[in-house]
PDB file of N, CA and C in Angstrom:
ATOM      1  N   UNK A   1      87.107  99.510  83.959  1.00  0.00           N
ATOM      2  CA  UNK A   1      88.181 100.288  84.533  1.00  0.00           C
ATOM      3  C   UNK A   1      88.104 101.704  83.965  1.00  0.00           C
ATOM      4  N   UNK A   2      88.715 102.643  84.712  1.00  0.00           N
ATOM      5  CA  UNK A   2      88.640 104.044  84.313  1.00  0.00           C
ATOM      6  C   UNK A   2      89.909 104.780  84.706  1.00  0.00           C
ATOM      7  N   UNK A   3      90.241 105.784  83.915  1.00  0.00           N
ATOM      8  CA  UNK A   3      91.328 106.688  84.275  1.00  0.00           C
ATOM      9  C   UNK A   3      90.720 107.775  85.159  1.00  0.00           C
ATOM     10  N   UNK A   4      91.286 107.927  86.347  1.00  0.00           N
ATOM     11  CA  UNK A   4      90.764 108.865  87.338  1.00  0.00           C
ATOM     12  C   UNK A   4      91.482 110.209  87.233  1.00  0.00           C
ATOM     13  N   UNK A   5      90.836 111.310  87.652  1.00  0.00           N
ATOM     14  CA  UNK A   5      91.524 112.603  87.684  1.00  0.00           C
ATOM     15  C   UNK A   5      92.589 112.588  88.777  1.00  0.00           C
ATOM     16  N   UNK A   6      93.725 113.212  88.490  1.00  0.00           N
ATOM     17  CA  UNK A   6      94.834 113.264  89.446  1.00  0.00           C
ATOM     18  C   UNK A   6      94.850 114.632  90.118  1.00  0.00           C
ATOM     19  N   UNK A   7      94.834 114.627  91.444  1.00  0.00           N
ATOM     20  CA  UNK A   7      94.878 115.864  92.226  1.00  0.00           C
ATOM     21  C   UNK A   7      96.213 116.561  91.984  1.00  0.00           C
ATOM     22  N   UNK A   8      96.168 117.867  91.789  1.00  0.00           N
ATOM     23  CA  UNK A   8      97.371 118.652  91.558  1.00  0.00           C
ATOM     24  C   UNK A   8      97.766 119.384  92.835  1.00  0.00           C
ATOM     25  N   UNK A   9      99.022 119.768  92.913  1.00  0.00           N
ATOM     26  CA  UNK A   9      99.559 120.457  94.076  1.00  0.00           C
ATOM     27  C   UNK A   9      98.602 121.576  94.484  1.00  0.00           C
ATOM     28  N   UNK A  10      98.376 121.688  95.788  1.00  0.00           N
ATOM     29  CA  UNK A  10      97.448 122.681  96.324  1.00  0.00           C
ATOM     30  C   UNK A  10      96.092 122.101  96.685  1.00  0.00           C
ATOM     31  N   UNK A  11      95.766 120.919  96.160  1.00  0.00           N
ATOM     32  CA  UNK A  11      94.494 120.274  96.499  1.00  0.00           C
ATOM     33  C   UNK A  11      94.528 119.832  97.963  1.00  0.00           C
ATOM     34  N   UNK A  12      93.531 120.181  98.762  1.00  0.00           N
ATOM     35  CA  UNK A  12      93.522 119.807 100.192  1.00  0.00           C
ATOM     36  C   UNK A  12      93.652 118.297 100.441  1.00  0.00           C
ATOM     37  N   UNK A  13      93.136 117.479  99.546  1.00  0.00           N
ATOM     38  CA  UNK A  13      93.181 116.026  99.742  1.00  0.00           C
ATOM     39  C   UNK A  13      94.621 115.522  99.855  1.00  0.00           C
ATOM     40  N   UNK A  14      95.564 116.235  99.272  1.00  0.00           N
ATOM     41  CA  UNK A  14      96.955 115.794  99.307  1.00  0.00           C
ATOM     42  C   UNK A  14      97.609 115.994 100.676  1.00  0.00           C
ATOM     43  N   UNK A  15      97.017 116.829 101.512  1.00  0.00           N
ATOM     44  CA  UNK A  15      97.568 117.072 102.854  1.00  0.00           C
ATOM     45  C   UNK A  15      96.702 116.471 103.964  1.00  0.00           C
ATOM     46  N   UNK A  16      95.559 115.943 103.611  1.00  0.00           N
ATOM     47  CA  UNK A  16      94.640 115.395 104.613  1.00  0.00           C
ATOM     48  C   UNK A  16      95.085 113.990 105.031  1.00  0.00           C
ATOM     49  N   UNK A  17      94.870 113.634 106.283  1.00  0.00           N
ATOM     50  CA  UNK A  17      95.181 112.261 106.724  1.00  0.00           C
ATOM     51  C   UNK A  17      94.359 111.250 105.923  1.00  0.00           C
ATOM     52  N   UNK A  18      94.937 110.088 105.705  1.00  0.00           N
ATOM     53  CA  UNK A  18      94.236 109.017 104.986  1.00  0.00           C
ATOM     54  C   UNK A  18      93.816 107.940 105.974  1.00  0.00           C
ATOM     55  N   UNK A  19      92.826 107.155 105.573  1.00  0.00           N
ATOM     56  CA  UNK A  19      92.270 106.126 106.451  1.00  0.00           C
ATOM     57  C   UNK A  19      92.832 104.755 106.096  1.00  0.00           C
ATOM     58  N   UNK A  20      93.109 103.976 107.127  1.00  0.00           N
ATOM     59  CA  UNK A  20      93.530 102.591 106.923  1.00  0.00           C
ATOM     60  C   UNK A  20      92.385 101.803 106.287  1.00  0.00           C
ATOM     61  N   UNK A  21      92.753 100.786 105.541  1.00  0.00           N
ATOM     62  CA  UNK A  21      91.786  99.924 104.866  1.00  0.00           C
ATOM     63  C   UNK A  21      91.767  98.592 105.608  1.00  0.00           C
ATOM     64  N   UNK A  22      90.589  98.211 106.104  1.00  0.00           N
ATOM     65  CA  UNK A  22      90.512  96.928 106.812  1.00  0.00           C
ATOM     66  C   UNK A  22      90.224  95.803 105.820  1.00  0.00           C
ATOM     67  N   UNK A  23      90.349  94.582 106.289  1.00  0.00           N
ATOM     68  CA  UNK A  23      90.207  93.416 105.413  1.00  0.00           C
ATOM     69  C   UNK A  23      88.832  93.352 104.762  1.00  0.00           C
ATOM     70  N   UNK A  24      87.778  93.652 105.519  1.00  0.00           N
ATOM     71  CA  UNK A  24      86.425  93.623 104.936  1.00  0.00           C
ATOM     72  C   UNK A  24      86.304  94.620 103.789  1.00  0.00           C
ATOM     73  N   UNK A  25      86.832  95.820 103.983  1.00  0.00           N
ATOM     74  CA  UNK A  25      86.780  96.840 102.935  1.00  0.00           C
ATOM     75  C   UNK A  25      87.613  96.406 101.731  1.00  0.00           C
ATOM     76  N   UNK A  26      88.781  95.835 101.986  1.00  0.00           N
ATOM     77  CA  UNK A  26      89.655  95.400 100.903  1.00  0.00           C
ATOM     78  C   UNK A  26      88.987  94.341 100.038  1.00  0.00           C
ATOM     79  N   UNK A  27      88.165  93.495 100.633  1.00  0.00           N
ATOM     80  CA  UNK A  27      87.519  92.416  99.898  1.00  0.00           C
ATOM     81  C   UNK A  27      86.295  92.869  99.099  1.00  0.00           C
ATOM     82  N   UNK A  28      85.855  94.093  99.295  1.00  0.00           N
ATOM     83  CA  UNK A  28      84.676  94.597  98.578  1.00  0.00           C
ATOM     84  C   UNK A  28      85.004  94.855  97.105  1.00  0.00           C
ATOM     85  N   UNK A  29      84.026  94.589  96.260  1.00  0.00           N
ATOM     86  CA  UNK A  29      84.198  94.804  94.815  1.00  0.00           C
ATOM     87  C   UNK A  29      84.538  96.262  94.512  1.00  0.00           C
ATOM     88  N   UNK A  30      83.960  97.203  95.250  1.00  0.00           N
ATOM     89  CA  UNK A  30      84.234  98.624  95.019  1.00  0.00           C
ATOM     90  C   UNK A  30      85.718  98.923  95.236  1.00  0.00           C
ATOM     91  N   UNK A  31      86.297  98.373  96.287  1.00  0.00           N
ATOM     92  CA  UNK A  31      87.709  98.617  96.587  1.00  0.00           C
ATOM     93  C   UNK A  31      88.598  97.961  95.541  1.00  0.00           C
ATOM     94  N   UNK A  32      88.277  96.735  95.166  1.00  0.00           N
ATOM     95  CA  UNK A  32      89.064  96.053  94.140  1.00  0.00           C
ATOM     96  C   UNK A  32      88.976  96.798  92.800  1.00  0.00           C
ATOM     97  N   UNK A  33      87.801  97.300  92.459  1.00  0.00           N
ATOM     98  CA  UNK A  33      87.642  98.098  91.239  1.00  0.00           C
ATOM     99  C   UNK A  33      88.441  99.385  91.311  1.00  0.00           C
ATOM    100  N   UNK A  34      88.458 100.008  92.491  1.00  0.00           N
ATOM    101  CA  UNK A  34      89.249 101.221  92.672  1.00  0.00           C
ATOM    102  C   UNK A  34      90.727 100.927  92.451  1.00  0.00           C
ATOM    103  N   UNK A  35      91.223  99.831  92.979  1.00  0.00           N
ATOM    104  CA  UNK A  35      92.639  99.476  92.792  1.00  0.00           C
ATOM    105  C   UNK A  35      92.940  99.299  91.310  1.00  0.00           C
ATOM    106  N   UNK A  36      92.041  98.642  90.579  1.00  0.00           N
ATOM    107  CA  UNK A  36      92.224  98.507  89.128  1.00  0.00           C
ATOM    108  C   UNK A  36      92.299  99.884  88.468  1.00  0.00           C
ATOM    109  N   UNK A  37      91.421 100.797  88.870  1.00  0.00           N
ATOM    110  CA  UNK A  37      91.419 102.155  88.313  1.00  0.00           C
ATOM    111  C   UNK A  37      92.688 102.915  88.690  1.00  0.00           C
ATOM    112  N   UNK A  38      93.173 102.722  89.912  1.00  0.00           N
ATOM    113  CA  UNK A  38      94.400 103.369  90.362  1.00  0.00           C
ATOM    114  C   UNK A  38      95.573 102.948  89.481  1.00  0.00           C
ATOM    115  N   UNK A  39      95.681 101.648  89.228  1.00  0.00           N
ATOM    116  CA  UNK A  39      96.757 101.123  88.378  1.00  0.00           C
ATOM    117  C   UNK A  39      96.604 101.658  86.954  1.00  0.00           C
ATOM    118  N   UNK A  40      95.401 101.637  86.412  1.00  0.00           N
ATOM    119  CA  UNK A  40      95.181 102.136  85.055  1.00  0.00           C
ATOM    120  C   UNK A  40      95.545 103.618  84.956  1.00  0.00           C
ATOM    121  N   UNK A  41      95.193 104.400  85.967  1.00  0.00           N
ATOM    122  CA  UNK A  41      95.509 105.827  85.978  1.00  0.00           C
ATOM    123  C   UNK A  41      97.012 106.047  86.021  1.00  0.00           C
ATOM    124  N   UNK A  42      97.714 105.302  86.871  1.00  0.00           N
ATOM    125  CA  UNK A  42      99.167 105.405  86.971  1.00  0.00           C
ATOM    126  C   UNK A  42      99.812 105.093  85.626  1.00  0.00           C
ATOM    127  N   UNK A  43      99.393 104.023  84.988  1.00  0.00           N
ATOM    128  CA  UNK A  43      99.964 103.635  83.696  1.00  0.00           C
ATOM    129  C   UNK A  43      99.638 104.669  82.613  1.00  0.00           C
ATOM    130  N   UNK A  44      98.423 105.160  82.606  1.00  0.00           N
ATOM    131  CA  UNK A  44      98.019 106.152  81.606  1.00  0.00           C
ATOM    132  C   UNK A  44      98.860 107.425  81.707  1.00  0.00           C
ATOM    133  N   UNK A  45      99.239 107.804  82.928  1.00  0.00           N
ATOM    134  CA  UNK A  45     100.022 109.028  83.156  1.00  0.00           C
ATOM    135  C   UNK A  45     101.527 108.762  83.102  1.00  0.00           C
ATOM    136  N   UNK A  46     101.930 107.531  82.784  1.00  0.00           N
ATOM    137  CA  UNK A  46     103.351 107.138  82.762  1.00  0.00           C
ATOM    138  C   UNK A  46     104.014 107.360  84.108  1.00  0.00           C
ATOM    139  N   UNK A  47     103.281 107.098  85.176  1.00  0.00           N
ATOM    140  CA  UNK A  47     103.839 107.240  86.517  1.00  0.00           C
ATOM    141  C   UNK A  47     104.537 105.973  86.958  1.00  0.00           C
ATOM    142  N   UNK A  48     105.392 106.119  87.961  1.00  0.00           N
ATOM    143  CA  UNK A  48     106.063 104.972  88.561  1.00  0.00           C
ATOM    144  C   UNK A  48     105.360 104.553  89.844  1.00  0.00           C
ATOM    145  N   UNK A  49     104.464 105.408  90.314  1.00  0.00           N
ATOM    146  CA  UNK A  49     103.710 105.118  91.519  1.00  0.00           C
ATOM    147  C   UNK A  49     102.571 106.114  91.648  1.00  0.00           C
ATOM    148  N   UNK A  50     101.538 105.722  92.354  1.00  0.00           N
ATOM    149  CA  UNK A  50     100.385 106.603  92.556  1.00  0.00           C
ATOM    150  C   UNK A  50      99.679 106.169  93.831  1.00  0.00           C
ATOM    151  N   UNK A  51      99.365 107.140  94.674  1.00  0.00           N
ATOM    152  CA  UNK A  51      98.665 106.870  95.925  1.00  0.00           C
ATOM    153  C   UNK A  51      97.194 107.236  95.789  1.00  0.00           C
ATOM    154  N   UNK A  52      96.367 106.586  96.578  1.00  0.00           N
ATOM    155  CA  UNK A  52      94.921 106.800  96.507  1.00  0.00           C
ATOM    156  C   UNK A  52      94.542 108.266  96.708  1.00  0.00           C
ATOM    157  N   UNK A  53      95.216 108.954  97.620  1.00  0.00           N
ATOM    158  CA  UNK A  53      94.835 110.352  97.848  1.00  0.00           C
ATOM    159  C   UNK A  53      95.157 111.226  96.641  1.00  0.00           C
ATOM    160  N   UNK A  54      96.045 110.788  95.775  1.00  0.00           N
ATOM    161  CA  UNK A  54      96.337 111.547  94.557  1.00  0.00           C
ATOM    162  C   UNK A  54      95.195 111.479  93.554  1.00  0.00           C
ATOM    163  N   UNK A  55      94.274 110.562  93.747  1.00  0.00           N
ATOM    164  CA  UNK A  55      93.087 110.472  92.895  1.00  0.00           C
ATOM    165  C   UNK A  55      91.826 110.673  93.741  1.00  0.00           C
ATOM    166  N   UNK A  56      91.977 111.514  94.766  1.00  0.00           N
ATOM    167  CA  UNK A  56      90.862 111.994  95.584  1.00  0.00           C
ATOM    168  C   UNK A  56      90.184 110.922  96.425  1.00  0.00           C
ATOM    169  N   UNK A  57      90.917 109.882  96.806  1.00  0.00           N
ATOM    170  CA  UNK A  57      90.382 108.854  97.698  1.00  0.00           C
ATOM    171  C   UNK A  57      91.303 108.778  98.903  1.00  0.00           C
ATOM    172  N   UNK A  58      90.812 109.073 100.073  1.00  0.00           N
ATOM    173  CA  UNK A  58      91.642 109.151 101.280  1.00  0.00           C
ATOM    174  C   UNK A  58      91.815 107.791 101.952  1.00  0.00           C
ATOM    175  N   UNK A  59      92.374 106.858 101.205  1.00  0.00           N
ATOM    176  CA  UNK A  59      92.660 105.517 101.706  1.00  0.00           C
ATOM    177  C   UNK A  59      94.163 105.292 101.686  1.00  0.00           C
ATOM    178  N   UNK A  60      94.664 104.430 102.564  1.00  0.00           N
ATOM    179  CA  UNK A  60      96.085 104.072 102.599  1.00  0.00           C
ATOM    180  C   UNK A  60      96.351 102.938 101.619  1.00  0.00           C
ATOM    181  N   UNK A  61      96.334 103.297 100.340  1.00  0.00           N
ATOM    182  CA  UNK A  61      96.604 102.354  99.254  1.00  0.00           C
ATOM    183  C   UNK A  61      97.502 103.078  98.250  1.00  0.00           C
ATOM    184  N   UNK A  62      98.487 102.372  97.719  1.00  0.00           N
ATOM    185  CA  UNK A  62      99.268 102.929  96.619  1.00  0.00           C
ATOM    186  C   UNK A  62      99.698 101.799  95.693  1.00  0.00           C
ATOM    187  N   UNK A  63     100.048 102.190  94.479  1.00  0.00           N
ATOM    188  CA  UNK A  63     100.538 101.245  93.479  1.00  0.00           C
ATOM    189  C   UNK A  63     101.895 101.726  92.988  1.00  0.00           C
ATOM    190  N   UNK A  64     102.788 100.783  92.713  1.00  0.00           N
ATOM    191  CA  UNK A  64     104.130 101.068  92.222  1.00  0.00           C
ATOM    192  C   UNK A  64     104.396 100.132  91.053  1.00  0.00           C
ATOM    193  N   UNK A  65     105.002 100.678  89.994  1.00  0.00           N
ATOM    194  CA  UNK A  65     105.406  99.834  88.868  1.00  0.00           C
ATOM    195  C   UNK A  65     106.362 100.633  87.987  1.00  0.00           C
ATOM    196  N   UNK A  66     107.452 100.014  87.627  1.00  0.00           N
ATOM    197  CA  UNK A  66     108.365 100.601  86.640  1.00  0.00           C
ATOM    198  C   UNK A  66     108.639  99.499  85.626  1.00  0.00           C
ATOM    199  N   UNK A  67     108.156  99.700  84.411  1.00  0.00           N
ATOM    200  CA  UNK A  67     108.342  98.717  83.347  1.00  0.00           C
ATOM    201  C   UNK A  67     108.633  99.482  82.057  1.00  0.00           C
ATOM    202  N   UNK A  68     109.922  99.702  81.798  1.00  0.00           N
ATOM    203  CA  UNK A  68     110.330 100.474  80.615  1.00  0.00           C
ATOM    204  C   UNK A  68     109.597 101.808  80.574  1.00  0.00           C
ATOM    205  N   UNK A  69     109.550 102.498  81.702  1.00  0.00           N
ATOM    206  CA  UNK A  69     108.830 103.764  81.823  1.00  0.00           C
ATOM    207  C   UNK A  69     109.614 104.872  81.133  1.00  0.00           C
ATOM    208  N   UNK A  70     108.995 105.581  80.164  1.00  0.00           N
ATOM    209  CA  UNK A  70     109.714 106.637  79.451  1.00  0.00           C
ATOM    210  C   UNK A  70     110.120 107.814  80.346  1.00  0.00           C
ATOM    211  N   UNK A  71     109.436 108.006  81.472  1.00  0.00           N
ATOM    212  CA  UNK A  71     109.816 109.075  82.406  1.00  0.00           C
ATOM    213  C   UNK A  71     111.037 108.688  83.229  1.00  0.00           C
ATOM    214  N   UNK A  72     111.293 107.392  83.362  1.00  0.00           N
ATOM    215  CA  UNK A  72     112.387 106.906  84.197  1.00  0.00           C
ATOM    216  C   UNK A  72     113.199 105.835  83.454  1.00  0.00           C
ATOM    217  N   UNK A  73     113.807 106.194  82.329  1.00  0.00           N
ATOM    218  CA  UNK A  73     114.511 105.174  81.544  1.00  0.00           C
ATOM    219  C   UNK A  73     115.729 104.588  82.257  1.00  0.00           C
ATOM    220  N   UNK A  74     116.231 105.273  83.258  1.00  0.00           N
ATOM    221  CA  UNK A  74     117.431 104.844  83.987  1.00  0.00           C
ATOM    222  C   UNK A  74     117.096 103.979  85.206  1.00  0.00           C
ATOM    223  N   UNK A  75     115.816 103.792  85.500  1.00  0.00           N
ATOM    224  CA  UNK A  75     115.419 103.010  86.677  1.00  0.00           C
ATOM    225  C   UNK A  75     115.224 101.543  86.303  1.00  0.00           C
ATOM    226  N   UNK A  76     115.571 100.648  87.214  1.00  0.00           N
ATOM    227  CA  UNK A  76     115.322  99.227  86.946  1.00  0.00           C
ATOM    228  C   UNK A  76     113.820  98.937  86.984  1.00  0.00           C
ATOM    229  N   UNK A  77     113.425  97.882  86.319  1.00  0.00           N
ATOM    230  CA  UNK A  77     112.024  97.489  86.336  1.00  0.00           C
ATOM    231  C   UNK A  77     111.607  97.030  87.734  1.00  0.00           C
ATOM    232  N   UNK A  78     110.384  97.391  88.091  1.00  0.00           N
ATOM    233  CA  UNK A  78     109.765  96.937  89.332  1.00  0.00           C
ATOM    234  C   UNK A  78     108.404  96.374  88.947  1.00  0.00           C
ATOM    235  N   UNK A  79     108.151  95.137  89.278  1.00  0.00           N
ATOM    236  CA  UNK A  79     106.853  94.528  88.982  1.00  0.00           C
ATOM    237  C   UNK A  79     105.748  95.297  89.699  1.00  0.00           C
ATOM    238  N   UNK A  80     104.560  95.244  89.136  1.00  0.00           N
ATOM    239  CA  UNK A  80     103.412  95.905  89.757  1.00  0.00           C
ATOM    240  C   UNK A  80     103.269  95.432  91.199  1.00  0.00           C
ATOM    241  N   UNK A  81     103.237  96.400  92.104  1.00  0.00           N
ATOM    242  CA  UNK A  81     103.081  96.132  93.522  1.00  0.00           C
ATOM    243  C   UNK A  81     102.019  97.074  94.066  1.00  0.00           C
ATOM    244  N   UNK A  82     101.020  96.533  94.721  1.00  0.00           N
ATOM    245  CA  UNK A  82      99.986  97.342  95.372  1.00  0.00           C
ATOM    246  C   UNK A  82     100.192  97.197  96.872  1.00  0.00           C
ATOM    247  N   UNK A  83     100.319  98.337  97.536  1.00  0.00           N
ATOM    248  CA  UNK A  83     100.534  98.340  98.983  1.00  0.00           C
ATOM    249  C   UNK A  83      99.263  98.790  99.686  1.00  0.00           C
ATOM    250  N   UNK A  84      98.868  98.047 100.697  1.00  0.00           N
ATOM    251  CA  UNK A  84      97.694  98.368 101.512  1.00  0.00           C
ATOM    252  C   UNK A  84      98.205  98.723 102.904  1.00  0.00           C
ATOM    253  N   UNK A  85      97.847  99.902 103.378  1.00  0.00           N
ATOM    254  CA  UNK A  85      98.272 100.395 104.693  1.00  0.00           C
ATOM    255  C   UNK A  85      99.795 100.369 104.861  1.00  0.00           C
ATOM    256  N   UNK A  86     100.536 100.896 103.875  1.00  0.00           N
ATOM    257  CA  UNK A  86     101.993 100.853 104.011  1.00  0.00           C
ATOM    258  C   UNK A  86     102.487 101.738 105.141  1.00  0.00           C
ATOM    259  N   UNK A  87     103.628 101.361 105.664  1.00  0.00           N
ATOM    260  CA  UNK A  87     104.308 102.173 106.668  1.00  0.00           C
ATOM    261  C   UNK A  87     105.797 102.091 106.361  1.00  0.00           C
ATOM    262  N   UNK A  88     106.480 103.205 106.495  1.00  0.00           N
ATOM    263  CA  UNK A  88     107.898 103.276 106.147  1.00  0.00           C
ATOM    264  C   UNK A  88     108.714 103.453 107.414  1.00  0.00           C
ATOM    265  N   UNK A  89     109.719 102.625 107.562  1.00  0.00           N
ATOM    266  CA  UNK A  89     110.635 102.723 108.691  1.00  0.00           C
ATOM    267  C   UNK A  89     112.050 102.768 108.147  1.00  0.00           C
ATOM    268  N   UNK A  90     112.808 103.817 108.478  1.00  0.00           N
ATOM    269  CA  UNK A  90     114.194 103.884 108.009  1.00  0.00           C
ATOM    270  C   UNK A  90     115.004 102.706 108.551  1.00  0.00           C
ATOM    271  N   UNK A  91     115.858 102.161 107.702  1.00  0.00           N
ATOM    272  CA  UNK A  91     116.702 101.047 108.115  1.00  0.00           C
ATOM    273  C   UNK A  91     118.053 101.539 108.622  1.00  0.00           C
ATOM    274  N   UNK A  92     118.467 102.741 108.179  1.00  0.00           N
ATOM    275  CA  UNK A  92     119.728 103.324 108.615  1.00  0.00           C
ATOM    276  C   UNK A  92     119.532 104.835 108.745  1.00  0.00           C
ATOM    277  N   UNK A  93     120.552 105.515 109.195  1.00  0.00           N
ATOM    278  CA  UNK A  93     120.542 106.979 109.281  1.00  0.00           C
ATOM    279  C   UNK A  93     120.980 107.604 107.960  1.00  0.00           C
ATOM    280  N   UNK A  94     121.448 106.786 107.027  1.00  0.00           N
ATOM    281  CA  UNK A  94     121.970 107.278 105.755  1.00  0.00           C
ATOM    282  C   UNK A  94     120.885 108.015 104.970  1.00  0.00           C
ATOM    283  N   UNK A  95     121.285 109.125 104.340  1.00  0.00           N
ATOM    284  CA  UNK A  95     120.376 109.924 103.515  1.00  0.00           C
ATOM    285  C   UNK A  95     121.080 110.304 102.224  1.00  0.00           C
ATOM    286  N   UNK A  96     120.295 110.664 101.205  1.00  0.00           N
ATOM    287  CA  UNK A  96     120.868 111.159  99.962  1.00  0.00           C
ATOM    288  C   UNK A  96     119.903 112.161  99.349  1.00  0.00           C
ATOM    289  N   UNK A  97     120.440 113.089  98.584  1.00  0.00           N
ATOM    290  CA  UNK A  97     119.618 114.076  97.883  1.00  0.00           C
ATOM    291  C   UNK A  97     119.162 113.485  96.564  1.00  0.00           C
ATOM    292  N   UNK A  98     117.916 113.783  96.211  1.00  0.00           N
ATOM    293  CA  UNK A  98     117.362 113.218  94.993  1.00  0.00           C
ATOM    294  C   UNK A  98     116.212 114.089  94.527  1.00  0.00           C
ATOM    295  N   UNK A  99     116.068 114.250  93.237  1.00  0.00           N
ATOM    296  CA  UNK A  99     114.886 114.891  92.679  1.00  0.00           C
ATOM    297  C   UNK A  99     113.927 113.791  92.262  1.00  0.00           C
ATOM    298  N   UNK A 100     112.680 113.974  92.608  1.00  0.00           N
ATOM    299  CA  UNK A 100     111.683 112.962  92.310  1.00  0.00           C
ATOM    300  C   UNK A 100     110.553 113.596  91.518  1.00  0.00           C
ATOM    301  N   UNK A 101     110.053 112.867  90.546  1.00  0.00           N
ATOM    302  CA  UNK A 101     108.885 113.317  89.815  1.00  0.00           C
ATOM    303  C   UNK A 101     107.635 112.946  90.604  1.00  0.00           C
ATOM    304  N   UNK A 102     106.570 113.689  90.388  1.00  0.00           N
ATOM    305  CA  UNK A 102     105.312 113.398  91.062  1.00  0.00           C
ATOM    306  C   UNK A 102     104.174 113.767  90.124  1.00  0.00           C
ATOM    307  N   UNK A 103     103.238 112.865  89.949  1.00  0.00           N
ATOM    308  CA  UNK A 103     102.106 113.133  89.056  1.00  0.00           C
ATOM    309  C   UNK A 103     101.232 114.264  89.576  1.00  0.00           C
ATOM    310  N   UNK A 104     101.322 114.572  90.869  1.00  0.00           N
ATOM    311  CA  UNK A 104     100.545 115.684  91.430  1.00  0.00           C
ATOM    312  C   UNK A 104     101.288 117.018  91.344  1.00  0.00           C
ATOM    313  N   UNK A 105     102.519 116.988  90.889  1.00  0.00           N
ATOM    314  CA  UNK A 105     103.320 118.200  90.683  1.00  0.00           C
ATOM    315  C   UNK A 105     103.817 118.144  89.248  1.00  0.00           C
ATOM    316  N   UNK A 106     103.004 118.576  88.290  1.00  0.00           N
ATOM    317  CA  UNK A 106     103.361 118.405  86.886  1.00  0.00           C
ATOM    318  C   UNK A 106     104.605 119.201  86.491  1.00  0.00           C
ATOM    319  N   UNK A 107     105.316 118.632  85.525  1.00  0.00           N
ATOM    320  CA  UNK A 107     106.490 119.260  84.898  1.00  0.00           C
ATOM    321  C   UNK A 107     107.672 119.438  85.839  1.00  0.00           C
ATOM    322  N   UNK A 108     107.695 118.708  86.936  1.00  0.00           N
ATOM    323  CA  UNK A 108     108.856 118.749  87.827  1.00  0.00           C
ATOM    324  C   UNK A 108     109.330 117.331  88.035  1.00  0.00           C
TER     325      UNK A 108
END
């Protein structure tokens, strides 16, 4: 496993479309190794989540985990979850204002 470099704000990869991951690709050792590296990178940076494009891979994969995270001491724990080809659909019209940290936008 390896800690990968994290793309910082302004990197073109952060605005480029990402590619869906099919089952054959997901089953490849390279993809599984990448997921391990993604999780290790997120944990090393004390992140609560990290997407593949944030580590220069344009795939629709992300990892989420909150386990006594020093950056988010007020957040409940979330078990490690890896999402493949996630899609978000609002459940209601309700909205709220929130400041969010991002590993690609340091010190904010």
